[in-house]
Amino acid sequence: MDKRLLISLIPILILAVFMMINVVEDVKMKNSEVFVALGDSLTHGVGDQQGSGYVGDLQYLLKENQQEEVTVENHGIPGQQSDGLLAQLGQPEVLNDVEEADYITVFIGMNDLVKSNGKDLNPIREDRLEIGKEDYEHNLQKIFKIIREKNPDARILFLGLYNPYPSSDKIQQVIDEWNRSSQQIVKQHDHMKFIPTDNLFEEKSHKYFSDSLHPNKSGYKLITQRIVKEYDF
């Protein structure tokens, strides 16, 4: 082959190689699913001895029951409140994951509730909680707006709050009020589902809890089971 012809073909060959790489990457993307988890310590998995929580359980179930490869990005931050999640959505790496996601779980609000009441739940301070709930609702609206602007099609599963003290009717009333508010906000958006986690724990014991707030592995499994029951993956 003429040397000059060979040299002229090199750029074409290089272009062809790059095109093949892109095709392979596109095929990989079509055969994979991305699951993004946003929230606080309950998303992070605090309390689970293995550190995986409900996110790890869902990852295992998705990989076991779906042919596609599953990529999981857990952005849960212990102690995070809804305003913190709102700020987190300003980070390019988090927004990029949200944009690529097929499924997004959002589990946020327990810290908003507890901290607005004075960093504990005893006694219940209704005036403080009302202010905290208004801020929470405002932040949720902004959070969902950002997510939907970046990703109009992802299925968003919003996990409602649970009562960490099942024997307290007064705390239960507060949990119910906050859940009703977030559920109404969720209904305003397409491809979004409210997943209740309340009434999962029949008692406050080491059977389900690792401390005063966080579930242990058995407790997280109850949350996972509720998610799977409420949403058909």
Protein backbone atom coordinates (compact mmCIF):
# COMPACT_ATOMS: atom_id res chain seq x y z
CA MET A 1 0.00 0.00 0.00
CA ASP A 2 1.22 3.48 -0.87
CA LYS A 3 2.80 5.11 2.17
CA ARG A 4 1.01 8.42 1.55
CA LEU A 5 -2.33 6.61 1.30
CA LEU A 6 -1.63 4.79 4.55
CA ILE A 7 -0.81 8.05 6.31
CA SER A 8 -4.00 9.65 5.00
CA LEU A 9 -6.02 6.73 6.36
CA ILE A 10 -4.68 7.05 9.91
CA PRO A 11 -7.06 9.88 10.97
CA ILE A 12 -9.99 7.90 9.56
CA LEU A 13 -8.94 4.80 11.49
CA ILE A 14 -8.56 6.80 14.70
CA LEU A 15 -12.04 8.32 14.20
CA ALA A 16 -13.50 4.87 13.59
CA VAL A 17 -11.95 3.57 16.82
CA PHE A 18 -13.42 6.44 18.83
CA MET A 19 -16.82 5.87 17.24
CA MET A 20 -16.69 2.19 18.18
CA ILE A 21 -15.79 3.09 21.77
CA ASN A 22 -18.76 5.46 21.95
CA VAL A 23 -21.09 2.79 20.58
CA VAL A 24 -19.86 0.30 23.19
CA GLU A 25 -20.34 2.88 25.96
CA ASP A 26 -23.87 3.65 24.72
CA VAL A 27 -24.74 -0.05 24.79
CA LYS A 28 -23.39 -0.33 28.32
CA MET A 29 -25.47 2.64 29.42
CA LYS A 30 -28.62 1.16 27.87
CA ASN A 31 -28.00 -2.09 29.72
CA SER A 32 -27.43 -0.44 33.10
CA GLU A 33 -29.59 1.38 35.64
CA VAL A 34 -28.56 4.11 38.04
CA PHE A 35 -30.03 4.35 41.53
CA VAL A 36 -29.33 7.58 43.46
CA ALA A 37 -30.12 7.89 47.17
CA LEU A 38 -30.45 11.33 48.79
CA GLY A 39 -31.04 12.09 52.45
CA ASP A 40 -29.61 11.95 55.94
CA SER A 41 -28.19 9.26 58.25
CA LEU A 42 -31.14 6.98 57.48
CA THR A 43 -30.06 6.95 53.83
CA HIS A 44 -26.40 6.74 54.77
CA GLY A 45 -27.18 3.57 56.75
CA VAL A 46 -26.22 4.61 60.29
CA GLY A 47 -27.21 1.89 62.74
CA ASP A 48 -26.74 -1.01 60.35
CA GLN A 49 -23.81 -3.05 61.60
CA GLN A 50 -22.73 -3.63 58.00
CA GLY A 51 -23.25 0.02 57.12
CA SER A 52 -25.50 -0.57 54.10
CA GLY A 53 -28.99 0.27 55.40
CA TYR A 54 -32.00 0.23 53.11
CA VAL A 55 -29.88 1.46 50.18
CA GLY A 56 -27.63 -1.59 50.36
CA ASP A 57 -30.64 -3.88 50.63
CA LEU A 58 -32.27 -2.30 47.57
CA GLN A 59 -29.03 -2.51 45.62
CA TYR A 60 -28.83 -6.24 46.33
CA LEU A 61 -32.46 -6.83 45.35
CA LEU A 62 -32.14 -4.84 42.13
CA LYS A 63 -29.01 -6.72 41.10
CA GLU A 64 -30.63 -10.05 41.91
CA ASN A 65 -33.88 -9.40 40.07
CA GLN A 66 -32.90 -7.31 37.05
CA GLN A 67 -30.82 -8.22 34.03
CA GLU A 68 -29.30 -4.77 33.79
CA GLU A 69 -26.22 -3.72 35.70
CA VAL A 70 -27.13 -1.50 38.65
CA THR A 71 -24.99 1.45 39.73
CA VAL A 72 -25.77 2.90 43.16
CA GLU A 73 -24.76 6.38 44.32
CA ASN A 74 -25.49 6.97 48.01
CA HIS A 75 -25.33 10.68 48.86
CA GLY A 76 -26.86 10.37 52.33
CA ILE A 77 -25.16 12.58 54.95
CA PRO A 78 -25.61 11.93 58.69
CA GLY A 79 -27.26 14.88 60.43
CA GLN A 80 -28.44 16.46 57.21
CA GLN A 81 -31.63 18.51 57.13
CA SER A 82 -33.70 19.51 54.11
CA ASP A 83 -31.81 22.80 53.72
CA GLY A 84 -28.58 20.80 53.67
CA LEU A 85 -29.93 18.54 50.91
CA LEU A 86 -30.96 21.64 49.00
CA ALA A 87 -27.39 22.94 49.24
CA GLN A 88 -26.00 19.51 48.32
CA LEU A 89 -27.97 19.63 45.07
CA GLY A 90 -25.81 22.59 44.12
CA GLN A 91 -22.76 20.34 43.88
CA PRO A 92 -21.89 19.37 40.27
CA GLU A 93 -21.09 15.73 41.09
CA VAL A 94 -24.43 15.25 42.87
CA LEU A 95 -26.37 16.98 40.10
CA ASN A 96 -24.62 14.82 37.52
CA ASP A 97 -25.69 11.65 39.35
CA VAL A 98 -29.26 12.97 39.61
CA GLU A 99 -29.28 13.71 35.88
CA GLU A 100 -28.19 10.13 35.06
CA ALA A 101 -30.52 8.42 37.54
CA ASP A 102 -33.29 5.97 36.68
CA TYR A 103 -34.44 5.78 40.31
CA ILE A 104 -34.03 8.37 43.06
CA THR A 105 -34.93 7.86 46.71
CA VAL A 106 -35.32 10.85 49.01
CA PHE A 107 -35.44 10.22 52.77
CA ILE A 108 -35.22 13.54 54.60
CA GLY A 109 -37.01 15.35 57.40
CA MET A 110 -36.33 13.54 60.66
CA ASN A 111 -33.54 15.95 61.57
CA ASP A 112 -35.73 18.91 60.58
CA LEU A 113 -38.42 17.70 62.94
CA VAL A 114 -36.19 16.84 65.89
CA LYS A 115 -34.00 19.96 65.69
CA SER A 116 -36.92 22.35 65.19
CA ASN A 117 -38.45 20.94 68.39
CA GLY A 118 -35.27 21.70 70.33
CA LYS A 119 -33.03 18.72 69.43
CA ASP A 120 -35.26 16.18 71.14
CA LEU A 121 -38.92 15.10 71.09
CA ASN A 122 -39.75 15.54 74.74
CA PRO A 123 -41.67 17.67 75.39
CA ILE A 124 -43.42 18.47 72.09
CA ARG A 125 -43.20 22.19 71.29
CA GLU A 126 -45.99 22.82 68.81
CA ASP A 127 -45.08 26.44 67.98
CA ARG A 128 -41.50 25.51 67.08
CA LEU A 129 -42.61 22.46 65.12
CA GLU A 130 -45.02 24.52 63.02
CA ILE A 131 -42.20 26.86 61.99
CA GLY A 132 -39.95 23.89 61.26
CA LYS A 133 -42.66 22.23 59.14
CA GLU A 134 -43.14 25.38 57.05
CA ASP A 135 -39.39 25.55 56.35
CA TYR A 136 -39.37 21.84 55.53
CA GLU A 137 -42.25 22.18 53.04
CA HIS A 138 -40.54 25.14 51.39
CA ASN A 139 -37.28 23.22 51.03
CA LEU A 140 -39.01 20.13 49.63
CA GLN A 141 -40.63 22.19 46.91
CA LYS A 142 -37.23 23.56 45.90
CA ILE A 143 -35.55 20.13 46.09
CA PHE A 144 -38.13 18.51 43.81
CA LYS A 145 -37.97 21.45 41.39
CA ILE A 146 -34.20 21.07 41.02
CA ILE A 147 -34.40 17.30 40.58
CA ARG A 148 -37.14 17.57 37.96
CA GLU A 149 -35.29 20.27 36.02
CA LYS A 150 -32.24 18.01 35.80
CA ASN A 151 -34.14 14.77 35.27
CA PRO A 152 -37.81 14.88 34.16
CA ASP A 153 -38.19 11.10 33.83
CA ALA A 154 -36.54 9.40 36.82
CA ARG A 155 -38.82 7.58 39.22
CA ILE A 156 -38.60 9.39 42.56
CA LEU A 157 -39.50 7.50 45.71
CA PHE A 158 -40.02 9.80 48.67
CA LEU A 159 -39.85 7.98 52.00
CA GLY A 160 -42.13 9.35 54.69
CA LEU A 161 -41.12 9.72 58.33
CA TYR A 162 -41.64 7.05 60.98
CA ASN A 163 -42.28 7.38 64.70
CA PRO A 164 -39.11 6.37 66.60
CA TYR A 165 -41.22 6.18 69.77
CA PRO A 166 -44.22 4.02 68.79
CA SER A 167 -45.74 4.19 72.27
CA SER A 168 -46.11 8.00 72.13
CA ASP A 169 -49.42 9.14 70.66
CA LYS A 170 -48.33 12.78 70.84
CA ILE A 171 -45.24 12.17 68.72
CA GLN A 172 -47.36 10.08 66.38
CA GLN A 173 -49.65 13.06 65.78
CA VAL A 174 -46.65 15.19 64.80
CA ILE A 175 -45.30 12.49 62.47
CA ASP A 176 -48.73 12.21 60.85
CA GLU A 177 -48.90 15.97 60.26
CA TRP A 178 -45.47 16.15 58.67
CA ASN A 179 -46.20 13.12 56.50
CA ARG A 180 -49.49 14.60 55.30
CA SER A 181 -47.67 17.78 54.27
CA SER A 182 -44.91 16.00 52.34
CA GLN A 183 -47.42 13.62 50.74
CA GLN A 184 -49.42 16.56 49.37
CA ILE A 185 -46.24 18.03 47.88
CA VAL A 186 -45.27 14.69 46.30
CA LYS A 187 -48.70 14.46 44.62
CA GLN A 188 -47.95 17.65 42.70
CA HIS A 189 -45.18 15.96 40.69
CA ASP A 190 -45.14 13.32 37.96
CA HIS A 191 -43.28 10.02 38.32
CA MET A 192 -43.04 10.49 42.06
CA LYS A 193 -44.41 8.22 44.78
CA PHE A 194 -44.79 8.63 48.52
CA ILE A 195 -43.58 5.52 50.38
CA PRO A 196 -44.89 5.37 53.98
CA THR A 197 -42.46 4.03 56.55
CA ASP A 198 -44.61 4.74 59.60
CA ASN A 199 -46.17 1.92 61.62
CA LEU A 200 -43.32 -0.37 60.62
CA PHE A 201 -42.03 -0.71 64.15
CA GLU A 202 -44.41 -2.36 66.58
CA GLU A 203 -42.17 -1.57 69.52
CA LYS A 204 -39.09 0.38 70.51
CA SER A 205 -36.56 -2.35 71.16
CA HIS A 206 -33.18 -3.69 70.14
CA LYS A 207 -35.10 -5.91 67.75
CA TYR A 208 -35.38 -3.00 65.32
CA PHE A 209 -33.36 -0.06 66.69
CA SER A 210 -29.65 0.48 67.20
CA ASP A 211 -30.18 3.67 69.24
CA SER A 212 -32.96 6.17 70.03
CA LEU A 213 -33.52 7.02 66.37
CA HIS A 214 -31.72 4.75 63.92
CA PRO A 215 -32.86 1.29 62.86
CA ASN A 216 -30.51 -1.67 63.03
CA LYS A 217 -30.17 -4.12 60.15
CA SER A 218 -33.54 -5.72 60.94
CA GLY A 219 -35.19 -2.31 61.08
CA TYR A 220 -33.73 -1.26 57.75
CA LYS A 221 -34.95 -4.51 56.20
CA LEU A 222 -38.49 -3.54 57.19
CA ILE A 223 -38.03 -0.24 55.36
CA THR A 224 -36.69 -2.05 52.29
CA GLN A 225 -39.61 -4.47 52.33
CA ARG A 226 -42.04 -1.54 52.49
CA ILE A 227 -40.36 0.15 49.50
CA VAL A 228 -40.53 -3.04 47.43
CA LYS A 229 -44.14 -3.61 48.44
CA GLU A 230 -45.16 -0.06 47.45
CA TYR A 231 -43.18 0.19 44.21
CA ASP A 232 -42.83 -2.46 41.51
CA PHE A 233 -39.29 -2.24 40.23
